Amino acid sequence: MNTMTQESASAVTAQNTLTRQDRCDTGECPAQAWVLVKFLSGELLFCSHHFDKFEAALIKDAYEVIDERHRINEKSESSA
C-alpha cells in the first residue's frame, strides 16, 4: 500500500545527494540528474524536464523522491 502523499513525494531534502556526474536515466538524455526517485525495486535519476513530464506516474509507485532542482542555478564552489 502506498501511503505517500504527492506533497511528501515532492519534498525537498536538506542534504545534497546528487552530484554533477549523475545523469538522467530516461535513455538518450545526457542532462544532469536533479531528482532521485526510489522504488522498492530500485532507483531512477531524472533531469528536471523528464521528472516534470513523468512526475504524476512516478510518485504513484515511489516511496521516496529526492528533489534537488532548487540547486539548478547555484554556482559550484569551483566556479566561485
N, C-alpha and C. Protein backbone atom coordinates (compact mmCIF):
# COMPACT_ATOMS: atom_id res chain seq x y z
N MET A 1 0.84 -1.18 0.00
CA MET A 1 0.00 0.00 0.00
C MET A 1 0.88 1.24 0.00
N ASN A 2 0.62 2.16 -0.87
CA ASN A 2 1.40 3.38 -0.97
C ASN A 2 0.76 4.44 -0.10
N THR A 3 1.45 4.83 0.99
CA THR A 3 0.89 5.80 1.91
C THR A 3 1.46 7.20 1.72
N MET A 4 2.30 7.38 0.72
CA MET A 4 2.94 8.66 0.48
C MET A 4 2.00 9.61 -0.25
N THR A 5 1.95 10.84 0.20
CA THR A 5 1.13 11.84 -0.49
C THR A 5 1.96 12.52 -1.56
N GLN A 6 1.30 13.22 -2.46
CA GLN A 6 2.03 13.94 -3.51
C GLN A 6 2.94 14.99 -2.89
N GLU A 7 2.49 15.64 -1.82
CA GLU A 7 3.30 16.65 -1.18
C GLU A 7 4.59 16.06 -0.62
N SER A 8 4.52 14.91 0.03
CA SER A 8 5.73 14.32 0.59
C SER A 8 6.61 13.75 -0.50
N ALA A 9 6.04 13.31 -1.60
CA ALA A 9 6.82 12.79 -2.71
C ALA A 9 7.64 13.87 -3.36
N SER A 10 7.16 15.09 -3.34
CA SER A 10 7.85 16.20 -3.98
C SER A 10 8.69 17.02 -2.99
N ALA A 11 8.78 16.56 -1.77
CA ALA A 11 9.50 17.31 -0.75
C ALA A 11 10.98 17.42 -1.08
N VAL A 12 11.53 18.58 -0.76
CA VAL A 12 12.96 18.82 -0.99
C VAL A 12 13.72 18.36 0.23
N THR A 13 14.79 17.61 0.01
CA THR A 13 15.59 17.15 1.13
C THR A 13 16.63 18.19 1.49
N ALA A 14 17.09 18.16 2.73
CA ALA A 14 18.06 19.13 3.21
C ALA A 14 19.47 18.82 2.72
N GLN A 15 19.75 17.57 2.46
CA GLN A 15 21.10 17.20 2.04
C GLN A 15 21.20 17.12 0.52
N ASN A 16 22.42 17.34 0.03
CA ASN A 16 22.65 17.23 -1.41
C ASN A 16 23.12 15.81 -1.70
N THR A 17 22.26 15.03 -2.30
CA THR A 17 22.53 13.63 -2.59
C THR A 17 23.12 13.45 -3.98
N LEU A 18 22.68 14.25 -4.92
CA LEU A 18 23.08 14.09 -6.32
C LEU A 18 24.33 14.90 -6.63
N THR A 19 25.13 14.39 -7.56
CA THR A 19 26.37 15.07 -7.96
C THR A 19 26.31 15.45 -9.43
N ARG A 20 27.30 16.20 -9.89
CA ARG A 20 27.36 16.59 -11.30
C ARG A 20 27.52 15.38 -12.22
N GLN A 21 28.01 14.28 -11.72
CA GLN A 21 28.20 13.09 -12.53
C GLN A 21 26.91 12.30 -12.74
N ASP A 22 25.90 12.54 -11.93
CA ASP A 22 24.62 11.82 -12.07
C ASP A 22 23.88 12.32 -13.30
N ARG A 23 23.40 11.39 -14.12
CA ARG A 23 22.72 11.71 -15.39
C ARG A 23 21.33 11.11 -15.42
N CYS A 24 20.49 11.72 -16.22
CA CYS A 24 19.10 11.29 -16.40
C CYS A 24 19.06 9.86 -16.94
N ASP A 25 18.20 9.03 -16.36
CA ASP A 25 18.08 7.62 -16.74
C ASP A 25 17.04 7.35 -17.83
N THR A 26 16.56 8.36 -18.52
CA THR A 26 15.49 8.15 -19.49
C THR A 26 15.95 7.57 -20.82
N GLY A 27 17.21 7.31 -20.97
CA GLY A 27 17.69 6.72 -22.22
C GLY A 27 18.76 7.55 -22.87
N GLU A 28 18.36 8.36 -23.83
CA GLU A 28 19.32 9.14 -24.59
C GLU A 28 19.52 10.55 -24.06
N CYS A 29 18.97 10.88 -22.91
CA CYS A 29 19.08 12.22 -22.34
C CYS A 29 20.40 12.35 -21.57
N PRO A 30 21.28 13.24 -22.00
CA PRO A 30 22.58 13.39 -21.32
C PRO A 30 22.56 14.43 -20.19
N ALA A 31 21.39 14.97 -19.84
CA ALA A 31 21.31 16.06 -18.87
C ALA A 31 21.64 15.59 -17.45
N GLN A 32 22.10 16.54 -16.65
CA GLN A 32 22.39 16.27 -15.25
C GLN A 32 21.11 15.91 -14.52
N ALA A 33 21.18 14.91 -13.65
CA ALA A 33 20.03 14.50 -12.86
C ALA A 33 19.87 15.42 -11.66
N TRP A 34 18.65 15.83 -11.41
CA TRP A 34 18.32 16.68 -10.28
C TRP A 34 17.31 16.02 -9.34
N VAL A 35 16.74 14.90 -9.77
CA VAL A 35 15.73 14.22 -8.97
C VAL A 35 16.05 12.73 -8.91
N LEU A 36 16.06 12.18 -7.71
CA LEU A 36 16.25 10.75 -7.48
C LEU A 36 14.93 10.18 -7.00
N VAL A 37 14.42 9.18 -7.71
CA VAL A 37 13.15 8.55 -7.35
C VAL A 37 13.46 7.12 -6.90
N LYS A 38 13.04 6.79 -5.68
CA LYS A 38 13.32 5.47 -5.11
C LYS A 38 12.05 4.63 -5.10
N PHE A 39 12.20 3.41 -5.61
CA PHE A 39 11.12 2.43 -5.65
C PHE A 39 11.57 1.21 -4.84
N LEU A 40 10.67 0.32 -4.52
CA LEU A 40 11.05 -0.91 -3.84
C LEU A 40 12.00 -1.74 -4.70
N SER A 41 11.89 -1.62 -6.02
CA SER A 41 12.69 -2.43 -6.94
C SER A 41 13.98 -1.76 -7.39
N GLY A 42 14.22 -0.50 -6.99
CA GLY A 42 15.44 0.20 -7.41
C GLY A 42 15.24 1.69 -7.44
N GLU A 43 16.17 2.38 -8.09
CA GLU A 43 16.16 3.84 -8.15
C GLU A 43 16.31 4.32 -9.59
N LEU A 44 15.77 5.50 -9.86
CA LEU A 44 15.93 6.15 -11.16
C LEU A 44 16.28 7.61 -10.94
N LEU A 45 17.13 8.13 -11.82
CA LEU A 45 17.52 9.53 -11.81
C LEU A 45 16.85 10.26 -12.96
N PHE A 46 16.45 11.52 -12.72
CA PHE A 46 15.79 12.29 -13.76
C PHE A 46 16.31 13.71 -13.80
N CYS A 47 16.44 14.24 -15.02
CA CYS A 47 16.68 15.67 -15.18
C CYS A 47 15.36 16.37 -14.83
N SER A 48 15.41 17.67 -14.71
CA SER A 48 14.21 18.42 -14.33
C SER A 48 13.09 18.25 -15.36
N HIS A 49 13.44 18.34 -16.64
CA HIS A 49 12.44 18.23 -17.71
C HIS A 49 11.72 16.89 -17.68
N HIS A 50 12.47 15.79 -17.58
CA HIS A 50 11.84 14.47 -17.62
C HIS A 50 11.10 14.16 -16.32
N PHE A 51 11.55 14.67 -15.18
CA PHE A 51 10.77 14.47 -13.96
C PHE A 51 9.44 15.19 -14.07
N ASP A 52 9.47 16.43 -14.56
CA ASP A 52 8.21 17.16 -14.75
C ASP A 52 7.26 16.39 -15.66
N LYS A 53 7.80 15.82 -16.70
CA LYS A 53 6.99 15.10 -17.69
C LYS A 53 6.32 13.86 -17.10
N PHE A 54 7.05 13.14 -16.23
CA PHE A 54 6.56 11.86 -15.72
C PHE A 54 6.19 11.87 -14.23
N GLU A 55 6.20 13.02 -13.59
CA GLU A 55 6.02 13.10 -12.13
C GLU A 55 4.77 12.39 -11.63
N ALA A 56 3.65 12.63 -12.23
CA ALA A 56 2.40 12.03 -11.75
C ALA A 56 2.47 10.51 -11.71
N ALA A 57 3.04 9.92 -12.74
CA ALA A 57 3.15 8.46 -12.79
C ALA A 57 4.20 7.94 -11.81
N LEU A 58 5.30 8.68 -11.67
CA LEU A 58 6.40 8.23 -10.81
C LEU A 58 6.02 8.20 -9.34
N ILE A 59 5.34 9.24 -8.88
CA ILE A 59 5.06 9.30 -7.45
C ILE A 59 4.02 8.29 -6.99
N LYS A 60 3.31 7.70 -7.93
CA LYS A 60 2.33 6.66 -7.55
C LYS A 60 3.02 5.45 -6.95
N ASP A 61 4.20 5.10 -7.47
CA ASP A 61 4.89 3.89 -7.02
C ASP A 61 6.14 4.17 -6.19
N ALA A 62 6.57 5.41 -6.11
CA ALA A 62 7.79 5.74 -5.38
C ALA A 62 7.53 5.75 -3.88
N TYR A 63 8.55 5.37 -3.10
CA TYR A 63 8.43 5.52 -1.66
C TYR A 63 9.25 6.73 -1.18
N GLU A 64 10.11 7.28 -2.05
CA GLU A 64 10.84 8.49 -1.70
C GLU A 64 11.26 9.21 -2.98
N VAL A 65 11.16 10.54 -2.95
CA VAL A 65 11.61 11.37 -4.05
C VAL A 65 12.56 12.41 -3.46
N ILE A 66 13.78 12.42 -3.95
CA ILE A 66 14.76 13.42 -3.53
C ILE A 66 14.88 14.42 -4.66
N ASP A 67 14.35 15.61 -4.42
CA ASP A 67 14.24 16.64 -5.45
C ASP A 67 15.23 17.75 -5.12
N GLU A 68 16.26 17.88 -5.95
CA GLU A 68 17.28 18.90 -5.73
C GLU A 68 17.26 19.97 -6.83
N ARG A 69 16.11 20.15 -7.46
CA ARG A 69 16.00 21.15 -8.52
C ARG A 69 16.22 22.56 -8.02
N HIS A 70 16.07 22.79 -6.74
CA HIS A 70 16.33 24.11 -6.17
C HIS A 70 17.81 24.50 -6.33
N ARG A 71 18.68 23.54 -6.63
CA ARG A 71 20.11 23.79 -6.79
C ARG A 71 20.51 24.10 -8.23
N ILE A 72 19.61 24.07 -9.16
CA ILE A 72 19.95 24.21 -10.57
C ILE A 72 20.75 25.48 -10.85
N ASN A 73 20.39 26.58 -10.28
CA ASN A 73 21.07 27.84 -10.58
C ASN A 73 22.16 28.21 -9.57
N GLU A 74 22.47 27.30 -8.64
CA GLU A 74 23.54 27.56 -7.70
C GLU A 74 24.88 27.47 -8.40
N LYS A 75 25.80 28.33 -8.00
CA LYS A 75 27.16 28.24 -8.54
C LYS A 75 27.93 27.22 -7.72
N SER A 76 28.73 26.41 -8.40
CA SER A 76 29.54 25.43 -7.69
C SER A 76 30.68 26.14 -6.99
N GLU A 77 31.23 25.51 -5.98
CA GLU A 77 32.35 26.09 -5.25
C GLU A 77 33.56 26.29 -6.14
N SER A 78 33.73 25.43 -7.14
CA SER A 78 34.88 25.52 -8.04
C SER A 78 34.77 26.70 -9.01
N SER A 79 33.55 27.22 -9.22
CA SER A 79 33.38 28.34 -10.15
C SER A 79 33.38 29.68 -9.44
N ALA A 80 33.49 29.66 -8.12
CA ALA A 80 33.47 30.92 -7.35
C ALA A 80 34.77 31.69 -7.47
